[in-house]
Amino acid sequence: MNLDRQIQTLIDEATPDGTTPEIVAAIAPALKLLAQQLQHLEYYILQSLDGSWAVTTLSNRSQPNLEKRVIYAFSAAKDAKNASTSLNARIVTVSMPVTYVLFQMLALETIDSIIFFESSGRLDAGTEVMRSQVQNLIGSYLQEYQLRSKAKFTNLPPDIA
């Protein structure tokens, strides 16, 4: 599924509460911009049987007290399956569109980043997308949305009622 279709699906599947689809549409350019910096349209995520994504804690070798929590996104199913087998029998791999992975970063408050492994068999090098980077970019699009929303209401005539 191409990026535009992925974005449209996110908008279509948003809670129909009157604002959520509009908000998803407002941040869609940020998701697309981030996704375009990656090489694949879908990735394989490790998750537990209850649907929680598998989180890995990494430590800095020179400073063991420095840790970060990451999620791995694999470009090839076989790499994800190999990783899941080595972790735990209760871990499964799930294929997911790249924009969905990026969108989920907003909800995953306990992670610091997602590491996207772009080349099959090359698990020694990945592209790290930090949660703070995603939040900042999406935040700027949300601010624009809020300004546009306020402008709609300030342009109403005083005798509207």
N, C-alpha and C. Protein backbone atom coordinates (compact mmCIF):
# COMPACT_ATOMS: atom_id res chain seq x y z
N MET A 1 0.85 -1.17 0.00
CA MET A 1 0.00 0.00 0.00
C MET A 1 0.90 1.24 0.00
N ASN A 2 0.69 2.17 -0.94
CA ASN A 2 1.54 3.36 -1.01
C ASN A 2 1.28 4.30 0.17
N LEU A 3 2.13 5.30 0.33
CA LEU A 3 2.03 6.19 1.50
C LEU A 3 0.72 6.95 1.54
N ASP A 4 0.26 7.44 0.40
CA ASP A 4 -1.00 8.18 0.38
C ASP A 4 -2.17 7.30 0.82
N ARG A 5 -2.17 6.05 0.38
CA ARG A 5 -3.24 5.12 0.78
C ARG A 5 -3.13 4.79 2.28
N GLN A 6 -1.91 4.63 2.76
CA GLN A 6 -1.71 4.38 4.20
C GLN A 6 -2.28 5.54 5.03
N ILE A 7 -1.97 6.76 4.61
CA ILE A 7 -2.45 7.95 5.33
C ILE A 7 -3.97 8.00 5.28
N GLN A 8 -4.54 7.77 4.11
CA GLN A 8 -6.00 7.81 3.98
C GLN A 8 -6.66 6.76 4.87
N THR A 9 -6.05 5.59 4.98
CA THR A 9 -6.58 4.54 5.85
C THR A 9 -6.52 4.97 7.32
N LEU A 10 -5.43 5.61 7.71
CA LEU A 10 -5.34 6.13 9.09
C LEU A 10 -6.46 7.12 9.36
N ILE A 11 -6.71 8.00 8.41
CA ILE A 11 -7.78 9.00 8.57
C ILE A 11 -9.14 8.30 8.63
N ASP A 12 -9.35 7.36 7.73
CA ASP A 12 -10.64 6.65 7.68
C ASP A 12 -10.90 5.83 8.93
N GLU A 13 -9.85 5.30 9.54
CA GLU A 13 -10.00 4.46 10.73
C GLU A 13 -9.96 5.24 12.04
N ALA A 14 -9.76 6.55 11.95
CA ALA A 14 -9.74 7.38 13.16
C ALA A 14 -11.14 7.40 13.79
N THR A 15 -11.16 7.56 15.09
CA THR A 15 -12.42 7.62 15.82
C THR A 15 -13.29 8.74 15.24
N PRO A 16 -14.50 8.41 14.79
CA PRO A 16 -15.36 9.43 14.16
C PRO A 16 -16.06 10.32 15.20
N ASP A 17 -15.26 11.09 15.92
CA ASP A 17 -15.80 11.93 16.98
C ASP A 17 -15.92 13.39 16.58
N GLY A 18 -15.68 13.67 15.31
CA GLY A 18 -15.80 15.04 14.84
C GLY A 18 -14.47 15.77 14.74
N THR A 19 -13.48 15.36 15.52
CA THR A 19 -12.19 16.05 15.46
C THR A 19 -11.02 15.13 15.15
N THR A 20 -11.06 13.89 15.60
CA THR A 20 -9.91 13.01 15.43
C THR A 20 -9.53 12.82 13.96
N PRO A 21 -10.46 12.55 13.05
CA PRO A 21 -10.06 12.44 11.64
C PRO A 21 -9.39 13.71 11.12
N GLU A 22 -9.89 14.88 11.55
CA GLU A 22 -9.28 16.15 11.15
C GLU A 22 -7.86 16.28 11.68
N ILE A 23 -7.66 15.84 12.91
CA ILE A 23 -6.32 15.92 13.52
C ILE A 23 -5.37 14.98 12.80
N VAL A 24 -5.82 13.77 12.51
CA VAL A 24 -4.97 12.82 11.78
C VAL A 24 -4.62 13.39 10.41
N ALA A 25 -5.59 14.01 9.74
CA ALA A 25 -5.33 14.63 8.44
C ALA A 25 -4.32 15.78 8.58
N ALA A 26 -4.40 16.50 9.68
CA ALA A 26 -3.50 17.63 9.89
C ALA A 26 -2.05 17.18 10.10
N ILE A 27 -1.86 16.02 10.74
CA ILE A 27 -0.49 15.54 10.99
C ILE A 27 0.00 14.61 9.89
N ALA A 28 -0.87 14.29 8.95
CA ALA A 28 -0.50 13.37 7.86
C ALA A 28 0.76 13.81 7.10
N PRO A 29 0.93 15.10 6.81
CA PRO A 29 2.17 15.49 6.10
C PRO A 29 3.43 15.16 6.90
N ALA A 30 3.36 15.24 8.21
CA ALA A 30 4.52 14.91 9.05
C ALA A 30 4.82 13.42 8.97
N LEU A 31 3.78 12.60 9.04
CA LEU A 31 3.97 11.15 8.94
C LEU A 31 4.55 10.78 7.58
N LYS A 32 4.04 11.41 6.54
CA LYS A 32 4.52 11.11 5.20
C LYS A 32 5.97 11.55 5.03
N LEU A 33 6.31 12.70 5.56
CA LEU A 33 7.69 13.20 5.49
C LEU A 33 8.66 12.24 6.17
N LEU A 34 8.29 11.76 7.35
CA LEU A 34 9.14 10.80 8.08
C LEU A 34 9.23 9.47 7.32
N ALA A 35 8.11 9.01 6.81
CA ALA A 35 8.07 7.73 6.08
C ALA A 35 8.92 7.79 4.82
N GLN A 36 8.97 8.93 4.17
CA GLN A 36 9.75 9.08 2.95
C GLN A 36 11.25 8.98 3.21
N GLN A 37 11.66 9.16 4.45
CA GLN A 37 13.06 9.06 4.80
C GLN A 37 13.48 7.60 5.03
N LEU A 38 12.50 6.72 5.04
CA LEU A 38 12.77 5.29 5.22
C LEU A 38 12.65 4.60 3.87
N GLN A 39 13.14 3.37 3.79
CA GLN A 39 13.24 2.71 2.49
C GLN A 39 12.07 1.79 2.12
N HIS A 40 11.23 1.46 3.10
CA HIS A 40 10.19 0.47 2.83
C HIS A 40 8.80 0.98 3.19
N LEU A 41 7.80 0.43 2.55
CA LEU A 41 6.42 0.81 2.82
C LEU A 41 5.82 0.05 3.99
N GLU A 42 6.43 -1.09 4.34
CA GLU A 42 5.96 -1.86 5.49
C GLU A 42 7.15 -2.46 6.22
N TYR A 43 6.92 -2.70 7.49
CA TYR A 43 7.96 -3.29 8.35
C TYR A 43 7.31 -4.36 9.21
N TYR A 44 8.15 -5.21 9.75
CA TYR A 44 7.69 -6.29 10.63
C TYR A 44 8.07 -5.93 12.06
N ILE A 45 7.06 -5.93 12.90
CA ILE A 45 7.22 -5.57 14.31
C ILE A 45 7.05 -6.83 15.14
N LEU A 46 7.83 -6.93 16.21
CA LEU A 46 7.68 -8.04 17.15
C LEU A 46 6.66 -7.64 18.20
N GLN A 47 5.74 -8.54 18.46
CA GLN A 47 4.76 -8.25 19.50
C GLN A 47 4.39 -9.51 20.26
N SER A 48 3.93 -9.29 21.48
CA SER A 48 3.51 -10.42 22.31
C SER A 48 2.13 -10.87 21.86
N LEU A 49 1.69 -11.97 22.38
CA LEU A 49 0.39 -12.52 22.01
C LEU A 49 -0.77 -11.59 22.39
N ASP A 50 -0.55 -10.71 23.39
CA ASP A 50 -1.60 -9.77 23.77
C ASP A 50 -1.58 -8.49 22.92
N GLY A 51 -0.66 -8.41 21.95
CA GLY A 51 -0.61 -7.27 21.05
C GLY A 51 0.37 -6.18 21.43
N SER A 52 1.03 -6.32 22.57
CA SER A 52 2.03 -5.32 22.98
C SER A 52 3.29 -5.48 22.15
N TRP A 53 3.86 -4.37 21.75
CA TRP A 53 5.09 -4.42 20.98
C TRP A 53 6.26 -4.79 21.87
N ALA A 54 7.17 -5.60 21.35
CA ALA A 54 8.36 -6.02 22.11
C ALA A 54 9.32 -4.85 22.20
N VAL A 55 9.69 -4.50 23.42
CA VAL A 55 10.60 -3.39 23.68
C VAL A 55 11.93 -3.95 24.14
N THR A 56 13.02 -3.40 23.59
CA THR A 56 14.37 -3.81 23.97
C THR A 56 15.05 -2.64 24.67
N THR A 57 15.68 -2.92 25.79
CA THR A 57 16.43 -1.89 26.50
C THR A 57 17.90 -2.01 26.12
N LEU A 58 18.45 -0.93 25.60
CA LEU A 58 19.85 -0.88 25.20
C LEU A 58 20.64 -0.07 26.21
N SER A 59 21.83 -0.53 26.53
CA SER A 59 22.72 0.19 27.44
C SER A 59 23.93 0.69 26.68
N ASN A 60 24.42 1.84 27.11
CA ASN A 60 25.63 2.40 26.53
C ASN A 60 26.83 1.66 27.12
N ARG A 61 27.72 1.18 26.28
CA ARG A 61 28.86 0.39 26.77
C ARG A 61 29.80 1.21 27.64
N SER A 62 30.04 2.44 27.28
CA SER A 62 30.97 3.26 28.06
C SER A 62 30.29 3.89 29.28
N GLN A 63 28.97 4.03 29.22
CA GLN A 63 28.21 4.57 30.35
C GLN A 63 27.01 3.66 30.62
N PRO A 64 27.23 2.59 31.38
CA PRO A 64 26.17 1.60 31.59
C PRO A 64 24.88 2.15 32.20
N ASN A 65 24.96 3.30 32.85
CA ASN A 65 23.75 3.88 33.45
C ASN A 65 22.85 4.53 32.40
N LEU A 66 23.39 4.79 31.22
CA LEU A 66 22.60 5.36 30.14
C LEU A 66 21.89 4.24 29.39
N GLU A 67 20.59 4.31 29.40
CA GLU A 67 19.79 3.29 28.72
C GLU A 67 18.75 3.97 27.84
N LYS A 68 18.34 3.25 26.83
CA LYS A 68 17.19 3.69 26.05
C LYS A 68 16.36 2.47 25.66
N ARG A 69 15.08 2.72 25.52
CA ARG A 69 14.14 1.66 25.19
C ARG A 69 13.73 1.84 23.73
N VAL A 70 13.91 0.76 22.96
CA VAL A 70 13.66 0.83 21.52
C VAL A 70 12.75 -0.30 21.07
N ILE A 71 12.18 -0.09 19.92
CA ILE A 71 11.42 -1.13 19.23
C ILE A 71 12.14 -1.35 17.91
N TYR A 72 12.24 -2.60 17.51
CA TYR A 72 12.87 -2.92 16.24
C TYR A 72 11.79 -3.10 15.18
N ALA A 73 12.06 -2.52 14.00
CA ALA A 73 11.19 -2.68 12.84
C ALA A 73 12.05 -3.29 11.73
N PHE A 74 11.68 -4.47 11.28
CA PHE A 74 12.47 -5.22 10.31
C PHE A 74 11.87 -5.08 8.92
N SER A 75 12.73 -4.97 7.92
CA SER A 75 12.25 -4.86 6.54
C SER A 75 11.90 -6.22 5.95
N ALA A 76 12.42 -7.28 6.54
CA ALA A 76 12.16 -8.63 6.02
C ALA A 76 11.55 -9.52 7.11
N ALA A 77 10.57 -10.30 6.71
CA ALA A 77 9.89 -11.20 7.65
C ALA A 77 10.87 -12.18 8.27
N LYS A 78 11.81 -12.70 7.48
CA LYS A 78 12.74 -13.70 8.01
C LYS A 78 13.62 -13.12 9.11
N ASP A 79 14.02 -11.85 9.00
CA ASP A 79 14.82 -11.22 10.06
C ASP A 79 14.01 -11.08 11.34
N ALA A 80 12.75 -10.68 11.18
CA ALA A 80 11.88 -10.55 12.35
C ALA A 80 11.64 -11.90 13.00
N LYS A 81 11.42 -12.92 12.19
CA LYS A 81 11.18 -14.26 12.73
C LYS A 81 12.41 -14.78 13.47
N ASN A 82 13.58 -14.55 12.91
CA ASN A 82 14.82 -14.96 13.59
C ASN A 82 14.97 -14.25 14.92
N ALA A 83 14.66 -12.97 14.95
CA ALA A 83 14.75 -12.21 16.20
C ALA A 83 13.72 -12.69 17.21
N SER A 84 12.52 -12.99 16.75
CA SER A 84 11.48 -13.43 17.68
C SER A 84 11.80 -14.79 18.25
N THR A 85 12.38 -15.67 17.45
CA THR A 85 12.73 -17.01 17.90
C THR A 85 13.79 -16.93 19.00
N SER A 86 14.73 -16.03 18.83
CA SER A 86 15.79 -15.92 19.83
C SER A 86 15.31 -15.25 21.11
N LEU A 87 14.22 -14.50 21.03
CA LEU A 87 13.72 -13.80 22.22
C LEU A 87 12.82 -14.67 23.08
N ASN A 88 11.76 -15.19 22.44
CA ASN A 88 10.74 -15.84 23.24
C ASN A 88 9.74 -16.53 22.30
N ALA A 89 9.28 -17.66 22.69
CA ALA A 89 8.31 -18.39 21.87
C ALA A 89 6.96 -17.70 21.82
N ARG A 90 6.72 -16.78 22.74
CA ARG A 90 5.42 -16.10 22.80
C ARG A 90 5.44 -14.77 22.05
N ILE A 91 6.46 -14.54 21.25
CA ILE A 91 6.57 -13.34 20.43
C ILE A 91 6.23 -13.70 18.99
N VAL A 92 5.40 -12.88 18.36
CA VAL A 92 5.04 -13.10 16.96
C VAL A 92 5.46 -11.87 16.14
N THR A 93 5.52 -12.06 14.84
CA THR A 93 5.85 -10.94 13.96
C THR A 93 4.57 -10.48 13.26
N VAL A 94 4.46 -9.17 13.11
CA VAL A 94 3.29 -8.58 12.49
C VAL A 94 3.75 -7.57 11.44
N SER A 95 3.23 -7.70 10.24
CA SER A 95 3.52 -6.76 9.17
C SER A 95 2.68 -5.50 9.39
N MET A 96 3.31 -4.34 9.23
CA MET A 96 2.61 -3.11 9.50
C MET A 96 3.08 -2.00 8.54
N PRO A 97 2.16 -1.24 7.98
CA PRO A 97 2.57 -0.11 7.12
C PRO A 97 3.43 0.88 7.91
N VAL A 98 4.38 1.48 7.23
CA VAL A 98 5.34 2.37 7.90
C VAL A 98 4.66 3.55 8.58
N THR A 99 3.62 4.12 7.98
CA THR A 99 2.96 5.26 8.61
C THR A 99 2.26 4.85 9.90
N TYR A 100 1.78 3.61 9.96
CA TYR A 100 1.15 3.11 11.18
C TYR A 100 2.19 3.01 12.30
N VAL A 101 3.38 2.51 11.95
CA VAL A 101 4.46 2.38 12.94
C VAL A 101 4.80 3.76 13.50
N LEU A 102 4.97 4.73 12.61
CA LEU A 102 5.31 6.08 13.04
C LEU A 102 4.18 6.70 13.87
N PHE A 103 2.95 6.48 13.46
CA PHE A 103 1.79 7.01 14.19
C PHE A 103 1.71 6.43 15.59
N GLN A 104 2.02 5.15 15.73
CA GLN A 104 1.97 4.50 17.04
C GLN A 104 3.00 5.08 18.01
N MET A 105 4.05 5.67 17.49
CA MET A 105 5.06 6.26 18.37
C MET A 105 4.46 7.32 19.27
N LEU A 106 3.39 7.96 18.84
CA LEU A 106 2.74 8.98 19.67
C LEU A 106 2.16 8.37 20.94
N ALA A 107 1.68 7.16 20.84
CA ALA A 107 1.03 6.50 21.97
C ALA A 107 2.01 5.74 22.85
N LEU A 108 3.18 5.42 22.33
CA LEU A 108 4.15 4.61 23.07
C LEU A 108 5.07 5.49 23.90
N GLU A 109 4.58 5.93 25.03
CA GLU A 109 5.31 6.87 25.87
C GLU A 109 6.55 6.27 26.52
N THR A 110 6.61 4.96 26.60
CA THR A 110 7.74 4.33 27.31
C THR A 110 8.94 4.07 26.42
N ILE A 111 8.83 4.34 25.12
CA ILE A 111 9.97 4.07 24.24
C ILE A 111 10.68 5.37 23.88
N ASP A 112 11.95 5.23 23.55
CA ASP A 112 12.75 6.37 23.13
C ASP A 112 12.86 6.47 21.61
N SER A 113 12.86 5.32 20.94
CA SER A 113 12.99 5.34 19.48
C SER A 113 12.60 4.00 18.88
N ILE A 114 12.48 4.03 17.56
CA ILE A 114 12.29 2.80 16.78
C ILE A 114 13.49 2.70 15.85
N ILE A 115 14.05 1.52 15.79
CA ILE A 115 15.18 1.29 14.89
C ILE A 115 14.66 0.48 13.71
N PHE A 116 14.75 1.07 12.53
CA PHE A 116 14.29 0.45 11.30
C PHE A 116 15.48 -0.22 10.62
N PHE A 117 15.42 -1.53 10.49
CA PHE A 117 16.47 -2.27 9.79
C PHE A 117 16.08 -2.31 8.32
N GLU A 118 16.82 -1.57 7.51
CA GLU A 118 16.46 -1.36 6.10
C GLU A 118 16.91 -2.48 5.18
N SER A 119 17.99 -3.17 5.53
CA SER A 119 18.53 -4.21 4.66
C SER A 119 18.41 -5.57 5.33
N SER A 120 17.81 -6.51 4.63
CA SER A 120 17.65 -7.85 5.16
C SER A 120 19.01 -8.47 5.45
N GLY A 121 19.10 -9.08 6.61
CA GLY A 121 20.35 -9.73 7.01
C GLY A 121 21.36 -8.78 7.63
N ARG A 122 21.10 -7.49 7.60
CA ARG A 122 22.03 -6.50 8.16
C ARG A 122 21.42 -5.92 9.43
N LEU A 123 21.59 -6.64 10.51
CA LEU A 123 21.03 -6.18 11.77
C LEU A 123 22.04 -5.40 12.60
N ASP A 124 23.17 -5.09 11.98
CA ASP A 124 24.18 -4.31 12.68
C ASP A 124 24.05 -2.82 12.36
N ALA A 125 23.18 -2.46 11.43
CA ALA A 125 23.00 -1.06 11.06
C ALA A 125 21.52 -0.80 10.79
N GLY A 126 21.00 0.19 11.44
CA GLY A 126 19.60 0.54 11.24
C GLY A 126 19.42 2.04 11.26
N THR A 127 18.26 2.48 10.87
CA THR A 127 17.91 3.90 10.90
C THR A 127 17.08 4.15 12.16
N GLU A 128 17.60 4.99 13.02
CA GLU A 128 16.90 5.27 14.27
C GLU A 128 16.01 6.50 14.11
N VAL A 129 14.75 6.35 14.45
CA VAL A 129 13.82 7.47 14.48
C VAL A 129 13.43 7.66 15.93
N MET A 130 13.83 8.80 16.47
CA MET A 130 13.58 9.08 17.88
C MET A 130 12.16 9.58 18.09
N ARG A 131 11.58 9.15 19.18
CA ARG A 131 10.21 9.54 19.52
C ARG A 131 10.11 11.05 19.64
N SER A 132 11.11 11.68 20.23
CA SER A 132 11.09 13.14 20.39
C SER A 132 11.06 13.83 19.03
N GLN A 133 11.77 13.29 18.06
CA GLN A 133 11.77 13.85 16.71
C GLN A 133 10.37 13.79 16.10
N VAL A 134 9.72 12.64 16.25
CA VAL A 134 8.37 12.47 15.73
C VAL A 134 7.40 13.42 16.44
N GLN A 135 7.51 13.49 17.76
CA GLN A 135 6.63 14.37 18.53
C GLN A 135 6.80 15.83 18.14
N ASN A 136 8.04 16.27 17.99
CA ASN A 136 8.29 17.67 17.64
C ASN A 136 7.73 18.01 16.27
N LEU A 137 7.96 17.15 15.31
CA LEU A 137 7.47 17.40 13.96
C LEU A 137 5.94 17.41 13.93
N ILE A 138 5.35 16.42 14.55
CA ILE A 138 3.89 16.35 14.59
C ILE A 138 3.33 17.53 15.39
N GLY A 139 4.02 17.91 16.45
CA GLY A 139 3.59 19.06 17.26
C GLY A 139 3.49 20.33 16.44
N SER A 140 4.44 20.53 15.54
CA SER A 140 4.39 21.74 14.71
C SER A 140 3.17 21.72 13.78
N TYR A 141 2.84 20.56 13.25
CA TYR A 141 1.65 20.45 12.41
C TYR A 141 0.37 20.62 13.23
N LEU A 142 0.39 20.15 14.47
CA LEU A 142 -0.78 20.33 15.33
C LEU A 142 -0.98 21.80 15.68
N GLN A 143 0.11 22.52 15.88
CA GLN A 143 -0.01 23.96 16.17
C GLN A 143 -0.64 24.70 14.99
N GLU A 144 -0.21 24.35 13.78
CA GLU A 144 -0.81 24.96 12.58
C GLU A 144 -2.30 24.64 12.52
N TYR A 145 -2.65 23.40 12.82
CA TYR A 145 -4.05 22.99 12.80
C TYR A 145 -4.86 23.80 13.82
N GLN A 146 -4.31 23.96 15.02
CA GLN A 146 -5.01 24.71 16.06
C GLN A 146 -5.20 26.17 15.65
N LEU A 147 -4.19 26.75 15.04
CA LEU A 147 -4.31 28.14 14.58
C LEU A 147 -5.39 28.26 13.51
N ARG A 148 -5.42 27.31 12.57
CA ARG A 148 -6.46 27.33 11.54
C ARG A 148 -7.85 27.14 12.15
N SER A 149 -7.94 26.27 13.16
CA SER A 149 -9.23 26.01 13.80
C SER A 149 -9.73 27.25 14.53
N LYS A 150 -8.83 27.94 15.22
CA LYS A 150 -9.22 29.18 15.92
C LYS A 150 -9.63 30.25 14.92
N ALA A 151 -8.93 30.33 13.80
CA ALA A 151 -9.24 31.33 12.79
C ALA A 151 -10.64 31.12 12.24
N LYS A 152 -11.08 29.87 12.12
CA LYS A 152 -12.43 29.60 11.63
C LYS A 152 -13.48 30.26 12.51
N PHE A 153 -13.26 30.18 13.83
CA PHE A 153 -14.25 30.69 14.76
C PHE A 153 -14.14 32.19 14.96
N THR A 154 -12.97 32.77 14.77
CA THR A 154 -12.83 34.21 14.94
C THR A 154 -13.37 34.97 13.73
N ASN A 155 -13.57 34.29 12.61
CA ASN A 155 -14.10 34.93 11.42
C ASN A 155 -15.63 34.91 11.36
N LEU A 156 -16.25 34.41 12.40
CA LEU A 156 -17.72 34.38 12.43
C LEU A 156 -18.25 35.80 12.70
N PRO A 157 -19.34 36.18 12.07
CA PRO A 157 -19.91 37.50 12.34
C PRO A 157 -20.47 37.56 13.77
N PRO A 158 -20.44 38.75 14.39
CA PRO A 158 -20.88 38.86 15.80
C PRO A 158 -22.36 38.54 15.99
N ASP A 159 -23.16 38.66 14.96
CA ASP A 159 -24.61 38.42 15.10
C ASP A 159 -25.02 37.04 14.56
N ILE A 160 -24.12 36.05 14.70
CA ILE A 160 -24.36 34.71 14.16
C ILE A 160 -25.57 34.04 14.80
N ALA A 161 -25.84 34.33 16.07
CA ALA A 161 -26.95 33.69 16.76
C ALA A 161 -28.21 34.35 16.33
